[in-house]
Amino acid sequence: MTSDKTLKQAISNITIWRKGEQRAPHKPLLLLYVLSHYRQGHDRLFDYGSEIHEQLLDLLERY
């Protein structure tokens, strides 16, 4: 089992691609999306294509 310290370190090491004023925050946003659904009782594994892709695109457009 992963310790809290290991999990915090892994999350803090997630990089966001940047080039000038452009950025690609999809990794942290995807992580937050998955963790929030997992906490609400979702199974451990997700199907990216049918469960996440469209919702993630919507979130990226909004934020």
Protein backbone atom coordinates (compact mmCIF):
# COMPACT_ATOMS: atom_id res chain seq x y z
CA MET A 1 0.00 0.00 0.00
CA THR A 2 1.23 3.47 -0.85
CA SER A 3 2.01 5.75 2.06
CA ASP A 4 0.59 9.27 2.31
CA LYS A 5 4.10 10.68 1.92
CA THR A 6 4.73 8.69 -1.26
CA LEU A 7 1.38 9.73 -2.72
CA LYS A 8 1.96 13.41 -1.91
CA GLN A 9 5.41 13.25 -3.50
CA ALA A 10 4.04 11.61 -6.65
CA ILE A 11 1.33 14.25 -6.98
CA SER A 12 3.74 17.12 -6.41
CA ASN A 13 6.02 15.73 -9.16
CA ILE A 14 3.30 15.87 -11.83
CA THR A 15 4.42 18.27 -14.51
CA ILE A 16 2.27 20.65 -16.53
CA TRP A 17 3.55 21.27 -20.04
CA ARG A 18 4.20 24.96 -20.67
CA LYS A 19 5.43 26.98 -23.60
CA GLY A 20 5.34 30.72 -23.10
CA GLU A 21 1.80 31.60 -22.05
CA GLN A 22 0.41 28.23 -23.17
CA ARG A 23 -0.08 25.39 -20.73
CA ALA A 24 -1.58 21.91 -20.79
CA PRO A 25 -3.14 21.17 -17.38
CA HIS A 26 -4.71 17.87 -18.42
CA LYS A 27 -2.69 15.65 -16.04
CA PRO A 28 -3.62 17.40 -12.78
CA LEU A 29 -7.18 17.91 -13.97
CA LEU A 30 -7.48 14.23 -14.91
CA LEU A 31 -6.11 13.21 -11.52
CA LEU A 32 -8.63 15.41 -9.67
CA TYR A 33 -11.47 14.10 -11.83
CA VAL A 34 -10.58 10.45 -11.20
CA LEU A 35 -9.96 10.90 -7.47
CA SER A 36 -13.27 12.71 -6.99
CA HIS A 37 -15.21 9.95 -8.77
CA TYR A 38 -13.29 7.23 -6.94
CA ARG A 39 -14.16 8.87 -3.64
CA GLN A 40 -17.83 8.90 -4.66
CA GLY A 41 -17.74 5.11 -5.03
CA HIS A 42 -16.51 4.50 -8.57
CA ASP A 43 -14.69 1.21 -9.17
CA ARG A 44 -10.91 1.27 -9.04
CA LEU A 45 -10.46 1.20 -12.83
CA PHE A 46 -11.88 3.69 -15.35
CA ASP A 47 -12.43 3.36 -19.09
CA TYR A 48 -10.87 6.53 -20.48
CA GLY A 49 -12.72 6.42 -23.80
CA SER A 50 -16.23 5.90 -22.50
CA GLU A 51 -16.05 7.49 -19.04
CA ILE A 52 -13.48 10.26 -19.01
CA HIS A 53 -12.54 11.64 -22.42
CA GLU A 54 -15.59 13.83 -23.12
CA GLN A 55 -15.85 15.08 -19.53
CA LEU A 56 -12.15 15.96 -19.48
CA LEU A 57 -12.46 17.90 -22.73
CA ASP A 58 -15.37 19.84 -21.24
CA LEU A 59 -13.35 20.64 -18.12
CA LEU A 60 -10.35 21.73 -20.19
CA GLU A 61 -12.54 24.11 -22.20
CA ARG A 62 -14.03 25.62 -19.04
CA TYR A 63 -10.80 25.94 -17.05
